Protein backbone atom coordinates (compact mmCIF):
# COMPACT_ATOMS: atom_id res chain seq x y z
CA MET A 1 6.06 -4.83 11.81
CA THR A 2 2.33 -3.98 10.44
CA GLU A 3 1.58 -0.45 9.47
CA PHE A 4 -1.15 1.38 7.71
CA THR A 5 -1.27 5.20 6.89
CA VAL A 6 -4.30 7.49 6.27
CA ARG A 7 -4.26 11.09 5.17
CA ASP A 8 -7.47 12.37 6.76
CA ASP A 9 -8.59 15.89 5.26
CA ALA A 10 -11.94 15.55 7.03
CA GLU A 11 -10.54 16.23 10.38
CA PRO A 12 -10.46 20.01 11.36
CA PHE A 13 -6.56 19.46 12.20
CA SER A 14 -5.97 17.63 8.85
CA ALA A 15 -3.94 15.19 10.33
CA ASN A 16 -1.50 12.20 9.00
CA ILE A 17 -2.61 9.29 11.06
CA THR A 18 -0.28 6.32 11.10
CA THR A 19 -1.21 2.87 12.85
CA VAL A 20 1.37 0.44 13.49
CA ARG A 21 2.15 -2.82 15.68
CA ASN A 22 5.36 -2.03 18.09
CA ASP A 23 6.45 -5.41 19.14
CA LYS A 24 9.40 -3.90 21.00
CA PHE A 25 6.60 -2.29 23.49
CA HIS A 26 4.29 -5.00 23.08
CA ARG A 27 1.52 -2.38 21.86
CA TYR A 28 -0.55 -0.90 18.86
CA GLU A 29 0.04 2.63 18.24
CA LEU A 30 -1.66 5.56 16.40
CA ARG A 31 0.23 8.58 15.58
CA VAL A 32 -1.13 11.80 14.52
CA ASN A 33 1.68 13.92 12.49
CA GLY A 34 4.14 11.58 13.92
CA GLU A 35 3.09 12.21 17.38
CA LEU A 36 1.91 9.36 19.41
CA ALA A 37 -1.84 9.91 20.06
CA VAL A 38 -3.41 6.38 21.24
CA TYR A 39 -1.62 3.28 22.24
CA SER A 40 -3.12 -0.25 23.04
CA GLN A 41 -0.88 -2.55 25.51
CA PHE A 42 -1.08 -6.24 24.73
CA MET A 43 0.49 -9.39 25.53
CA ASP A 44 1.55 -11.76 22.65
CA ARG A 45 0.56 -15.37 23.88
CA PRO A 46 0.59 -18.60 21.75
CA GLY A 47 -2.44 -18.25 19.73
CA HIS A 48 -3.77 -15.23 21.35
CA ILE A 49 -3.10 -11.41 21.72
CA ASP A 50 -4.20 -10.32 25.36
CA PHE A 51 -5.18 -6.56 25.14
CA ILE A 52 -4.50 -5.10 28.45
CA HIS A 53 -4.98 -1.35 28.27
CA THR A 54 -5.61 1.46 25.85
CA VAL A 55 -4.57 5.15 26.36
CA THR A 56 -5.34 8.26 24.38
CA ALA A 57 -3.15 11.17 25.14
CA GLU A 58 -5.16 14.04 26.70
CA LYS A 59 -4.97 16.57 23.41
CA PHE A 60 -6.44 13.84 21.11
CA LYS A 61 -9.12 12.68 23.15
CA GLY A 62 -12.76 12.86 21.68
CA ARG A 63 -11.70 12.33 18.07
CA GLY A 64 -12.46 8.88 17.63
CA LEU A 65 -8.81 7.74 17.31
CA ALA A 66 -9.01 5.07 19.45
CA LYS A 67 -11.84 3.41 17.59
CA ILE A 68 -9.33 3.69 14.55
CA LEU A 69 -6.78 2.21 16.24
CA ALA A 70 -9.10 -0.61 17.70
CA HIS A 71 -10.24 -1.46 14.34
CA PHE A 72 -6.74 -1.95 12.85
CA ALA A 73 -5.76 -3.86 16.00
CA LEU A 74 -8.20 -6.28 15.90
CA ASP A 75 -8.04 -6.92 12.04
CA ASP A 76 -4.43 -7.25 12.47
CA VAL A 77 -4.66 -10.09 15.17
CA ILE A 78 -7.21 -12.08 12.92
CA ALA A 79 -5.07 -11.46 9.89
CA ALA A 80 -1.99 -13.36 11.95
CA GLY A 81 -4.50 -16.16 12.59
CA LYS A 82 -4.84 -15.51 16.45
CA ARG A 83 -7.69 -14.99 18.88
CA ILE A 84 -8.54 -11.75 20.94
CA ILE A 85 -8.58 -11.74 24.77
CA PRO A 86 -9.96 -8.48 25.85
CA HIS A 87 -8.74 -7.67 29.13
CA CYS A 88 -8.84 -3.84 28.42
CA PRO A 89 -12.14 -2.06 28.98
CA PHE A 90 -12.04 -0.08 25.86
CA MET A 91 -11.28 -3.22 23.79
CA ALA A 92 -14.17 -5.31 25.46
CA SER A 93 -16.54 -2.26 24.89
CA TYR A 94 -15.48 -1.82 21.02
CA LEU A 95 -15.94 -5.59 20.64
CA HIS A 96 -19.51 -5.37 22.13
CA LYS A 97 -20.48 -2.69 19.81
CA HIS A 98 -18.87 -3.89 16.56
CA GLU A 99 -20.14 -7.15 14.60
CA GLY A 100 -17.66 -9.26 12.91
CA TYR A 101 -15.22 -10.40 15.69
CA GLU A 102 -17.56 -12.89 17.59
CA LEU A 103 -15.72 -15.73 16.49
CA SER A 104 -12.17 -14.75 17.18
CA VAL A 105 -12.69 -13.49 20.78
CA ASP A 106 -11.96 -15.52 24.13
CA TRP A 107 -13.89 -13.63 26.61
CA PRO A 108 -11.99 -13.45 29.97
CA ALA A 109 -13.55 -15.35 33.04
CA GLU A 110 -13.81 -12.13 34.76
CA PRO A 111 -15.06 -8.90 33.01
CA PRO A 112 -12.50 -6.18 32.61
CA GLU A 113 -12.15 -3.88 35.29
CA GLY A 114 -12.14 -0.04 34.77
CA GLU A 115 -13.99 2.55 32.67
CA PRO A 116 -13.88 2.09 28.77
CA GLY A 117 -13.86 6.19 28.78
CA ASN A 118 -10.08 6.26 29.35
CA GLU A 119 -9.33 5.99 25.58
C-alpha cells in the first residue's frame, strides 16, 4: 500500500489530507480528515494501470482535491514502473495540462468519453 499524508493549513477548512492506493477496491483515494473525498477507479493490467473514472464527493468539489489525487496516482504508477492508460476523462484532461508524463502514457484508441468536470 502506498500512502502519503499532508497537513494543509492553507485551506480554510484546515484539512488533514491523506492519499492512498487501495488495491482491495482497485482505486486511489484521497481522504480529508478521514472522510473519502475523491477516488480514481483503475484496472491493474500487466505493465499498465488503466484509469477508468474519477469521482469527487459533492461537498469537496471545487477545492482542487482531484488534482492532488491525480498527481499522487500518476507518480505512483510511474514509480512502480508501469504505464498509464487514461480512459478516465479527468485523468486524460490532467495529463494534457501537466508536463512530465508524456513518455509514460499509452493513449487509448478512442478518446475518453464524458466530461472531466465530474471530479
